[in-house]
Amino acid sequence: MNIRDYIGDSEFYKRTVSIAAPLAVQNLLMSCMSMVDTLMVSWIGMVSAVGTAAQIDTLHSMVSYGCVGGIGMFASQFSGAGDERNLKRCTGLCLVLVLINGLFWFTLASFFGETVLRFYLNDDTVVRHGLQYLSISRFSLLLGSVGFCFSNMYRSTGKPAVALKVSTASSLLNVLLNLLLIFGIGPFPEMGVRGAALGTVLAQLFSVSVLITHAYRTHQPFAGSFSEMFALDQSFIRPIFARILPLIINESTFGIGQTLFVKAFGQLGREQMDAYYVGLHIFNFATFLIYGYGSAVQILLGRILGQGKIMRARLECRWHMGLAFALSVLLVSVLVILAKPLVMLFGLADPAAESLAVSIVYVFAVKASMRLYNFLIFCILRAGGDAGIIQFLDSGIEWLVGLPAAFISVFVFRISSLTLVLLIAQLEQLVRLFFGMKRVKTNKWAADLTKLVA
């Protein structure tokens, strides 16, 4: 192996930075808002309560993402073809799907909230405060569903800036409302964990109101009357469902799997879960680089393949692998160096929990390095339309490797250290990396999809 084969020219790095930097900044902004939100919850000792209650929102979001992502594939093409009739029907079908999903999780939170919370972490204090949070936050499941749909339609019709601006404003409002309502600043009541939930719901209401109002005031092509959007028949629904169902299934199974990790880790106790949630949020903060860079790679390689430059795409794929190695070293180094200062921001009362959180961040640093490569692989495969294998690489390996590793460690080998269990669970990332790299090396992804369209 010649190392120089993995080093690109200056033009390559300029193009990559020009696309990746804006995407990374967008993800960084959202990560910062989420981390500040979590910080305030940690200052009142409610990390596990809110984190456990949020598992319902995680499942809701993953299924919604599958719905809107699938509809978005068709909405983009109808938009490009100037077919406003079917574009409006895409909005209607999207709203039907996400609201059915939202109502399901709303009902679950309303009537089976305690059962769900105890499934993940059977701790009376966590359950009591988690139910207080859910009693208000459950309404964000409905508002968030509508927001998902309209944000997706803006992006699918080539206006992602609208969704980004509204999302940014909503996130800032959420942080402000949480600050006022959690701690009772000025004329606002001190509501604690309920304040965190109310801040989220009000921010969601603001977001949805602005997205819908702007769509109709500016006569967006995807916004129509009730009869225009919901004129749905089988000839319209069937071909769409045939394409989007696998995506919905993959996102759903992956989301369920992610929450089952919480079930396994939750057996180790609330104190360890406090540390876990802190480490998880620090890891999520660092993923802005992973998702910003990976998304840029998909765009860059897709453009090259669309021009029929197959060999050039293969060459730049190797260059991206080299760049990803450098970025992974940088990411690990930053997480390891900043682990302790970042954990200290959360103000964990127990010194043992703080020390545990630092060690968990170290494990997440290892995960981040492999996650960067794995997401890069997903984006390379998607660039050329080789997406069929991703379901196996994504949710398949999660269920075949990651989850069994976590549950066997806790329930069979009775390992009591969350750090060690989390480290063993990273076998999932390693196996995914092995099979993903083998798939990339086949070069089956390097295809010009424009030739498939007459």
Protein backbone atom coordinates (compact mmCIF):
# COMPACT_ATOMS: atom_id res chain seq x y z
CA MET A 1 0.00 0.00 0.00
CA ASN A 2 1.39 3.38 -1.08
CA ILE A 3 0.46 6.14 1.36
CA ARG A 4 0.62 8.71 -1.43
CA ASP A 5 -2.40 7.03 -3.05
CA TYR A 6 -4.47 8.33 -0.12
CA ILE A 7 -3.28 11.94 -0.30
CA GLY A 8 -5.19 14.26 -2.64
CA ASP A 9 -4.18 17.41 -4.48
CA SER A 10 -4.87 20.95 -3.25
CA GLU A 11 -7.95 21.35 -5.45
CA PHE A 12 -9.49 18.24 -3.87
CA TYR A 13 -9.09 19.64 -0.36
CA LYS A 14 -10.45 23.05 -1.38
CA ARG A 15 -13.60 21.51 -2.86
CA THR A 16 -14.07 19.26 0.15
CA VAL A 17 -13.74 22.12 2.63
CA SER A 18 -16.08 24.36 0.60
CA ILE A 19 -18.88 21.77 0.89
CA ALA A 20 -18.10 20.16 4.25
CA ALA A 21 -17.50 23.34 6.28
CA PRO A 22 -21.05 24.82 5.95
CA LEU A 23 -22.64 21.42 6.63
CA ALA A 24 -20.42 20.88 9.68
CA VAL A 25 -21.23 24.36 11.02
CA GLN A 26 -24.97 23.66 10.72
CA ASN A 27 -24.56 20.41 12.67
CA LEU A 28 -22.31 22.15 15.20
CA LEU A 29 -24.95 24.78 15.89
CA MET A 30 -27.63 22.17 16.54
CA SER A 31 -25.22 20.15 18.71
CA CYS A 32 -24.37 23.21 20.80
CA MET A 33 -28.04 23.94 21.46
CA SER A 34 -28.71 20.34 22.47
CA MET A 35 -25.70 20.28 24.79
CA VAL A 36 -26.67 23.54 26.50
CA ASP A 37 -30.17 22.12 26.96
CA THR A 38 -28.75 19.02 28.63
CA LEU A 39 -26.40 21.09 30.79
CA MET A 40 -29.32 22.93 32.36
CA VAL A 41 -31.13 19.66 33.07
CA SER A 42 -27.96 18.25 34.67
CA TRP A 43 -27.72 21.25 37.01
CA ILE A 44 -31.00 20.20 38.65
CA GLY A 45 -29.96 16.53 38.79
CA MET A 46 -32.43 15.28 36.18
CA VAL A 47 -30.10 13.81 33.55
CA SER A 48 -31.35 10.22 33.83
CA ALA A 49 -35.01 11.21 34.21
CA VAL A 50 -35.06 13.34 31.05
CA GLY A 51 -32.68 11.03 29.16
CA THR A 52 -34.82 7.97 29.85
CA ALA A 53 -38.08 9.77 29.05
CA ALA A 54 -36.49 10.98 25.80
CA GLN A 55 -36.23 7.39 24.53
CA ILE A 56 -39.84 7.73 23.33
CA ASP A 57 -38.87 10.84 21.38
CA THR A 58 -35.88 8.98 19.92
CA LEU A 59 -38.13 6.22 18.59
CA HIS A 60 -40.65 8.75 17.29
CA SER A 61 -37.90 10.70 15.51
CA MET A 62 -36.31 7.65 13.87
CA VAL A 63 -39.62 6.44 12.39
CA SER A 64 -40.50 10.00 11.31
CA TYR A 65 -37.09 10.31 9.66
CA GLY A 66 -37.78 7.15 7.66
CA CYS A 67 -41.18 8.51 6.56
CA VAL A 68 -40.04 11.98 5.53
CA GLY A 69 -36.81 10.68 3.97
CA GLY A 70 -38.75 8.29 1.75
CA ILE A 71 -41.33 10.89 0.73
CA GLY A 72 -38.46 13.31 0.09
CA MET A 73 -37.05 11.08 -2.67
CA PHE A 74 -40.29 11.49 -4.62
CA ALA A 75 -40.90 15.12 -3.66
CA SER A 76 -37.50 16.11 -5.04
CA GLN A 77 -38.27 14.53 -8.41
CA PHE A 78 -41.78 16.01 -8.62
CA SER A 79 -40.28 19.39 -7.76
CA GLY A 80 -37.67 19.04 -10.49
CA ALA A 81 -40.36 18.06 -12.99
CA GLY A 82 -42.55 21.02 -12.01
CA ASP A 83 -45.37 18.64 -11.04
CA GLU A 84 -47.06 20.71 -8.33
CA ARG A 85 -50.14 18.48 -8.16
CA ASN A 86 -48.17 15.44 -7.02
CA LEU A 87 -45.85 17.60 -4.93
CA LYS A 88 -48.83 18.76 -2.88
CA ARG A 89 -50.00 15.17 -2.57
CA CYS A 90 -46.55 14.28 -1.23
CA THR A 91 -47.10 16.83 1.54
CA GLY A 92 -50.49 15.29 2.32
CA LEU A 93 -49.16 11.72 2.41
CA CYS A 94 -46.21 12.82 4.52
CA LEU A 95 -48.53 14.50 7.03
CA VAL A 96 -50.71 11.38 7.24
CA LEU A 97 -47.71 9.12 7.93
CA VAL A 98 -45.96 11.32 10.49
CA LEU A 99 -49.18 12.12 12.36
CA ILE A 100 -50.11 8.44 12.60
CA ASN A 101 -46.61 7.84 13.96
CA GLY A 102 -46.88 10.83 16.31
CA LEU A 103 -50.29 9.74 17.63
CA PHE A 104 -48.96 6.26 18.34
CA TRP A 105 -46.09 7.54 20.49
CA PHE A 106 -48.32 10.23 22.07
CA THR A 107 -50.76 7.51 23.15
CA LEU A 108 -47.92 5.36 24.46
CA ALA A 109 -46.53 8.27 26.50
CA SER A 110 -49.98 9.21 27.79
CA PHE A 111 -51.21 5.81 28.96
CA PHE A 112 -48.11 3.62 29.26
CA GLY A 113 -45.45 6.15 30.22
CA GLU A 114 -44.55 4.49 33.53
CA THR A 115 -44.30 1.06 31.90
CA VAL A 116 -41.94 2.43 29.25
CA LEU A 117 -39.76 4.25 31.78
CA ARG A 118 -39.48 1.21 34.05
CA PHE A 119 -38.59 -0.95 31.05
CA TYR A 120 -35.44 1.12 30.56
CA LEU A 121 -34.56 2.03 34.15
CA ASN A 122 -36.56 0.67 37.10
CA ASP A 123 -35.74 3.47 39.54
CA ASP A 124 -38.58 5.18 41.44
CA THR A 125 -36.95 8.63 41.42
CA VAL A 126 -36.18 8.48 37.70
CA VAL A 127 -39.69 7.24 36.90
CA ARG A 128 -41.39 9.92 39.01
CA HIS A 129 -39.51 12.80 37.45
CA GLY A 130 -39.59 11.17 34.02
CA LEU A 131 -43.40 11.08 34.15
CA GLN A 132 -43.46 14.76 35.12
CA TYR A 133 -41.41 15.49 32.02
CA LEU A 134 -43.54 13.25 29.77
CA SER A 135 -46.82 14.78 30.99
CA ILE A 136 -45.88 17.94 29.05
CA SER A 137 -43.26 16.84 26.49
CA ARG A 138 -45.65 14.30 24.90
CA PHE A 139 -47.34 17.16 23.00
CA SER A 140 -44.06 17.83 21.20
CA LEU A 141 -44.47 14.40 19.57
CA LEU A 142 -47.43 15.76 17.58
CA LEU A 143 -45.96 19.19 16.91
CA GLY A 144 -42.62 17.67 15.99
CA SER A 145 -44.32 15.36 13.47
CA VAL A 146 -45.76 18.31 11.53
CA GLY A 147 -42.44 20.14 11.81
CA PHE A 148 -40.59 17.12 10.39
CA CYS A 149 -42.91 17.08 7.37
CA PHE A 150 -42.73 20.77 6.47
CA SER A 151 -38.97 21.00 7.05
CA ASN A 152 -38.51 18.04 4.72
CA MET A 153 -40.68 19.60 2.02
CA TYR A 154 -38.65 22.82 2.12
CA ARG A 155 -35.43 20.81 1.69
CA SER A 156 -36.90 18.62 -1.07
CA THR A 157 -37.91 21.68 -3.10
CA GLY A 158 -34.45 23.25 -2.89
CA LYS A 159 -35.02 25.65 0.01
CA PRO A 160 -33.12 24.13 2.94
CA ALA A 161 -32.16 27.60 4.20
CA VAL A 162 -35.74 28.22 5.36
CA ALA A 163 -35.79 25.07 7.48
CA LEU A 164 -32.30 25.81 8.82
CA LYS A 165 -33.16 29.37 9.88
CA VAL A 166 -36.38 28.29 11.60
CA SER A 167 -34.61 25.39 13.30
CA THR A 168 -31.85 27.71 14.54
CA ALA A 169 -34.34 30.24 15.90
CA SER A 170 -36.37 27.45 17.52
CA SER A 171 -33.28 25.98 19.19
CA LEU A 172 -32.24 29.37 20.58
CA LEU A 173 -35.78 29.94 21.86
CA ASN A 174 -35.76 26.50 23.47
CA VAL A 175 -32.55 27.27 25.35
CA LEU A 176 -33.92 30.64 26.53
CA LEU A 177 -37.26 29.21 27.65
CA ASN A 178 -35.54 26.34 29.47
CA LEU A 179 -33.33 28.79 31.32
CA LEU A 180 -36.34 30.87 32.39
CA LEU A 181 -38.70 28.01 33.21
CA ILE A 182 -36.33 25.51 34.83
CA PHE A 183 -34.82 28.00 37.25
CA GLY A 184 -37.69 30.49 37.53
CA ILE A 185 -35.87 33.64 36.46
CA GLY A 186 -37.72 36.96 36.78
CA PRO A 187 -41.50 36.67 36.57
CA PHE A 188 -41.33 33.06 35.37
CA PRO A 189 -42.18 30.22 37.80
CA GLU A 190 -39.52 27.72 38.84
CA MET A 191 -40.80 24.53 37.20
CA GLY A 192 -37.74 22.29 37.24
CA VAL A 193 -38.04 19.27 34.94
CA ARG A 194 -41.52 20.40 33.85
CA GLY A 195 -39.97 23.67 32.71
CA ALA A 196 -37.58 21.78 30.44
CA ALA A 197 -40.53 19.97 28.87
CA LEU A 198 -42.62 23.13 28.48
CA GLY A 199 -39.71 24.98 26.89
CA THR A 200 -39.41 22.21 24.31
CA VAL A 201 -43.13 22.21 23.49
CA LEU A 202 -43.32 26.02 23.12
CA ALA A 203 -40.23 26.04 20.88
CA GLN A 204 -41.81 23.30 18.73
CA LEU A 205 -45.04 25.30 18.49
CA PHE A 206 -43.08 28.34 17.33
CA SER A 207 -41.22 26.29 14.73
CA VAL A 208 -44.33 24.65 13.26
CA SER A 209 -46.25 27.94 13.17
CA VAL A 210 -43.48 29.73 11.28
CA LEU A 211 -42.91 26.87 8.81
CA ILE A 212 -46.62 26.60 7.92
CA THR A 213 -47.27 30.36 7.83
CA HIS A 214 -44.27 31.00 5.60
CA ALA A 215 -45.27 28.16 3.26
CA TYR A 216 -48.71 29.61 2.58
CA ARG A 217 -47.76 33.27 2.61
CA THR A 218 -45.01 32.69 0.03
CA HIS A 219 -47.16 30.24 -1.97
CA GLN A 220 -44.72 27.34 -1.76
CA PRO A 221 -45.49 24.76 -4.46
CA PHE A 222 -45.87 21.96 -1.91
CA ALA A 223 -48.51 23.79 0.17
CA GLY A 224 -52.07 23.45 -1.08
CA SER A 225 -55.66 23.25 0.02
CA PHE A 226 -56.99 20.27 1.98
CA SER A 227 -58.45 18.67 -1.15
CA GLU A 228 -55.22 19.20 -3.11
CA MET A 229 -52.95 17.65 -0.48
CA PHE A 230 -55.17 14.76 0.57
CA ALA A 231 -56.42 13.62 -2.83
CA LEU A 232 -54.65 10.31 -2.27
CA ASP A 233 -55.48 7.18 -4.23
CA GLN A 234 -53.88 3.76 -4.62
CA SER A 235 -52.18 4.64 -7.90
CA PHE A 236 -50.28 7.36 -6.04
CA ILE A 237 -49.68 5.59 -2.73
CA ARG A 238 -48.64 2.11 -3.92
CA PRO A 239 -45.44 2.96 -5.88
CA ILE A 240 -44.31 5.32 -3.13
CA PHE A 241 -44.87 2.77 -0.36
CA ALA A 242 -42.97 0.13 -2.33
CA ARG A 243 -39.86 2.34 -2.20
CA ILE A 244 -40.11 3.94 1.23
CA LEU A 245 -41.17 0.92 3.32
CA PRO A 246 -37.64 -0.59 3.51
CA LEU A 247 -36.31 2.81 4.62
CA ILE A 248 -38.97 3.13 7.33
CA ILE A 249 -38.27 -0.42 8.52
CA ASN A 250 -34.52 0.22 8.68
CA GLU A 251 -34.85 3.48 10.60
CA SER A 252 -37.42 1.93 12.95
CA THR A 253 -35.35 -1.15 13.74
CA PHE A 254 -32.19 0.94 14.17
CA GLY A 255 -34.03 3.35 16.49
CA ILE A 256 -35.45 0.51 18.59
CA GLY A 257 -31.98 -0.96 18.80
CA GLN A 258 -30.51 2.32 20.03
CA THR A 259 -33.03 2.49 22.88
CA LEU A 260 -32.41 -1.17 23.78
CA PHE A 261 -28.82 -0.27 24.54
CA VAL A 262 -30.28 2.00 27.23
CA LYS A 263 -32.23 -0.99 28.55
CA ALA A 264 -29.01 -3.01 28.88
CA PHE A 265 -26.99 -0.19 30.41
CA GLY A 266 -29.90 0.77 32.70
CA GLN A 267 -29.47 -2.49 34.62
CA LEU A 268 -26.26 -1.06 36.06
CA GLY A 269 -28.05 1.64 38.06
CA ARG A 270 -29.02 5.31 37.99
CA GLU A 271 -25.60 6.59 39.06
CA GLN A 272 -23.90 4.91 36.10
CA MET A 273 -26.68 6.08 33.77
CA ASP A 274 -26.13 9.69 34.85
CA ALA A 275 -22.53 9.32 33.74
CA TYR A 276 -23.59 7.55 30.53
CA TYR A 277 -26.00 10.29 29.45
CA VAL A 278 -23.34 12.95 30.06
CA GLY A 279 -20.83 11.01 27.96
CA LEU A 280 -23.43 10.40 25.25
CA HIS A 281 -24.24 14.09 24.91
CA ILE A 282 -20.54 14.96 24.63
CA PHE A 283 -20.22 12.31 21.91
CA ASN A 284 -23.30 13.65 20.10
CA PHE A 285 -21.76 17.11 20.23
CA ALA A 286 -18.65 15.78 18.46
CA THR A 287 -20.63 14.14 15.66
CA PHE A 288 -21.04 17.48 13.86
CA LEU A 289 -17.73 16.71 12.14
CA ILE A 290 -18.76 13.16 11.25
CA TYR A 291 -22.10 14.04 9.65
CA GLY A 292 -20.92 17.28 8.05
CA TYR A 293 -17.96 15.61 6.35
CA GLY A 294 -19.85 12.44 5.38
CA SER A 295 -22.70 14.39 3.78
CA ALA A 296 -20.16 16.43 1.81
CA VAL A 297 -18.52 13.25 0.50
CA GLN A 298 -21.86 11.98 -0.81
CA ILE A 299 -22.46 15.25 -2.66
CA LEU A 300 -18.92 15.45 -4.07
CA LEU A 301 -18.70 11.85 -5.28
CA GLY A 302 -22.27 11.98 -6.60
CA ARG A 303 -21.42 14.95 -8.81
CA ILE A 304 -18.34 13.21 -10.20
CA LEU A 305 -20.23 9.99 -10.91
CA GLY A 306 -23.04 11.97 -12.55
CA GLN A 307 -20.47 13.31 -15.00
CA GLY A 308 -19.50 9.74 -15.91
CA LYS A 309 -16.01 10.06 -14.37
CA ILE A 310 -15.93 6.63 -12.74
CA MET A 311 -12.15 6.34 -12.36
CA ARG A 312 -11.93 9.84 -10.92
CA ALA A 313 -14.57 8.93 -8.34
CA ARG A 314 -12.60 5.84 -7.33
CA LEU A 315 -9.45 7.94 -6.99
CA GLU A 316 -11.13 10.57 -4.83
CA CYS A 317 -12.71 7.82 -2.74
CA ARG A 318 -9.19 6.75 -1.71
CA TRP A 319 -8.30 10.38 -0.98
CA HIS A 320 -11.35 10.66 1.27
CA MET A 321 -10.26 7.51 3.10
CA GLY A 322 -6.91 9.17 3.78
CA LEU A 323 -8.51 12.41 4.91
CA ALA A 324 -10.92 10.47 7.14
CA PHE A 325 -7.96 8.85 8.90
CA ALA A 326 -6.50 12.27 9.70
CA LEU A 327 -9.89 13.56 10.88
CA SER A 328 -10.45 10.50 13.08
CA VAL A 329 -7.07 11.04 14.79
CA LEU A 330 -7.99 14.69 15.33
CA LEU A 331 -11.44 13.80 16.68
CA VAL A 332 -10.10 11.21 19.13
CA SER A 333 -7.37 13.57 20.34
CA VAL A 334 -9.82 16.43 20.97
CA LEU A 335 -12.29 14.20 22.83
CA VAL A 336 -9.57 12.70 25.03
CA ILE A 337 -8.02 16.10 25.84
CA LEU A 338 -11.36 17.81 26.53
CA ALA A 339 -13.08 14.87 28.25
CA LYS A 340 -12.56 16.03 31.82
CA PRO A 341 -13.26 19.79 31.25
CA LEU A 342 -16.46 18.99 29.33
CA VAL A 343 -17.71 16.53 31.95
CA MET A 344 -17.05 19.06 34.72
CA LEU A 345 -19.46 21.49 33.00
CA PHE A 346 -22.36 19.19 33.85
CA GLY A 347 -21.71 19.57 37.58
CA LEU A 348 -22.32 15.94 38.60
CA ALA A 349 -22.64 15.84 42.38
CA ASP A 350 -20.91 12.49 42.85
CA PRO A 351 -17.11 12.53 42.16
CA ALA A 352 -17.29 8.83 41.26
CA ALA A 353 -19.96 9.57 38.63
CA GLU A 354 -17.82 12.37 37.23
CA SER A 355 -14.80 10.07 36.96
CA LEU A 356 -16.96 7.40 35.31
CA ALA A 357 -18.31 9.94 32.81
CA VAL A 358 -14.75 10.87 31.81
CA SER A 359 -13.87 7.21 31.16
CA ILE A 360 -17.09 6.82 29.16
CA VAL A 361 -16.09 9.78 26.98
CA TYR A 362 -12.80 7.96 26.31
CA VAL A 363 -14.76 4.95 25.05
CA PHE A 364 -16.97 7.22 22.94
CA ALA A 365 -13.78 8.68 21.46
CA VAL A 366 -12.93 5.20 20.17
CA LYS A 367 -16.48 4.89 18.83
CA ALA A 368 -16.22 8.31 17.14
CA SER A 369 -13.14 7.29 15.17
CA MET A 370 -14.87 4.20 13.77
CA ARG A 371 -18.22 5.98 13.37
CA LEU A 372 -16.55 8.57 11.17
CA TYR A 373 -15.31 5.84 8.85
CA ASN A 374 -18.60 3.94 8.89
CA PHE A 375 -20.67 7.00 8.06
CA LEU A 376 -18.17 7.85 5.32
CA ILE A 377 -18.71 4.35 3.90
CA PHE A 378 -22.50 4.81 3.97
CA CYS A 379 -22.16 8.09 2.07
CA ILE A 380 -19.79 6.60 -0.52
CA LEU A 381 -22.24 3.76 -1.19
CA ARG A 382 -25.21 6.16 -1.43
CA ALA A 383 -23.32 8.41 -3.85
CA GLY A 384 -23.49 5.69 -6.50
CA GLY A 385 -26.87 4.25 -5.52
CA ASP A 386 -25.44 1.14 -3.81
CA ALA A 387 -27.83 1.61 -0.89
CA GLY A 388 -29.28 -1.91 -0.64
CA ILE A 389 -26.38 -3.16 1.48
CA ILE A 390 -26.73 -0.30 3.97
CA GLN A 391 -29.70 -1.89 5.76
CA PHE A 392 -27.47 -4.85 6.65
CA LEU A 393 -24.55 -2.62 7.60
CA ASP A 394 -26.72 -0.30 9.67
CA SER A 395 -29.55 -1.97 11.61
CA GLY A 396 -28.51 -5.53 10.68
CA ILE A 397 -25.12 -5.43 12.40
CA GLU A 398 -26.60 -3.46 15.30
CA TRP A 399 -29.01 -6.33 16.05
CA LEU A 400 -26.61 -9.17 15.19
CA VAL A 401 -23.52 -7.85 16.97
CA GLY A 402 -23.97 -4.69 19.07
CA LEU A 403 -27.08 -5.56 21.05
CA PRO A 404 -26.09 -9.20 21.79
CA ALA A 405 -22.66 -7.99 22.95
CA ALA A 406 -24.24 -5.49 25.35
CA PHE A 407 -26.92 -7.83 26.76
CA ILE A 408 -24.59 -10.83 27.13
CA SER A 409 -22.05 -8.64 28.94
CA VAL A 410 -24.67 -7.43 31.44
CA PHE A 411 -27.01 -10.41 31.90
CA VAL A 412 -24.71 -13.40 31.26
CA PHE A 413 -21.22 -12.32 32.34
CA ARG A 414 -22.65 -9.90 34.96
CA ILE A 415 -20.13 -7.19 34.12
CA SER A 416 -20.88 -4.29 36.46
CA SER A 417 -18.66 -1.66 34.82
CA LEU A 418 -20.55 0.45 32.29
CA THR A 419 -17.26 1.56 30.75
CA LEU A 420 -16.30 -2.04 29.99
CA VAL A 421 -19.77 -2.98 28.69
CA LEU A 422 -19.79 0.07 26.42
CA LEU A 423 -16.32 -0.81 25.14
CA ILE A 424 -17.38 -4.39 24.35
CA ALA A 425 -20.46 -3.05 22.51
CA GLN A 426 -18.13 -1.18 20.14
CA LEU A 427 -17.45 -4.53 18.50
CA GLU A 428 -20.47 -3.54 16.42
CA GLN A 429 -18.59 -0.59 14.92
CA LEU A 430 -15.55 -2.75 14.19
CA VAL A 431 -17.57 -5.43 12.38
CA ARG A 432 -19.48 -2.77 10.45
CA LEU A 433 -16.17 -1.20 9.42
CA PHE A 434 -14.79 -4.54 8.22
CA PHE A 435 -17.75 -5.40 5.99
CA GLY A 436 -18.22 -1.79 4.87
CA MET A 437 -14.61 -1.47 3.69
CA LYS A 438 -14.90 -4.76 1.80
CA ARG A 439 -18.00 -3.44 0.02
CA VAL A 440 -16.33 -0.16 -0.93
CA LYS A 441 -13.31 -2.02 -2.35
CA THR A 442 -15.56 -3.94 -4.78
CA ASN A 443 -16.26 -0.58 -6.49
CA LYS A 444 -19.86 -1.66 -7.12
CA TRP A 445 -20.89 1.74 -5.78
CA ALA A 446 -19.06 3.58 -8.58
CA ALA A 447 -21.97 3.90 -11.05
CA ASP A 448 -23.44 6.70 -13.15
CA LEU A 449 -27.11 6.71 -12.18
CA THR A 450 -28.08 9.26 -14.82
CA LYS A 451 -27.85 6.49 -17.42
CA LEU A 452 -30.78 4.74 -15.75
CA VAL A 453 -33.08 7.65 -16.57
CA ALA A 454 -34.41 7.89 -20.11
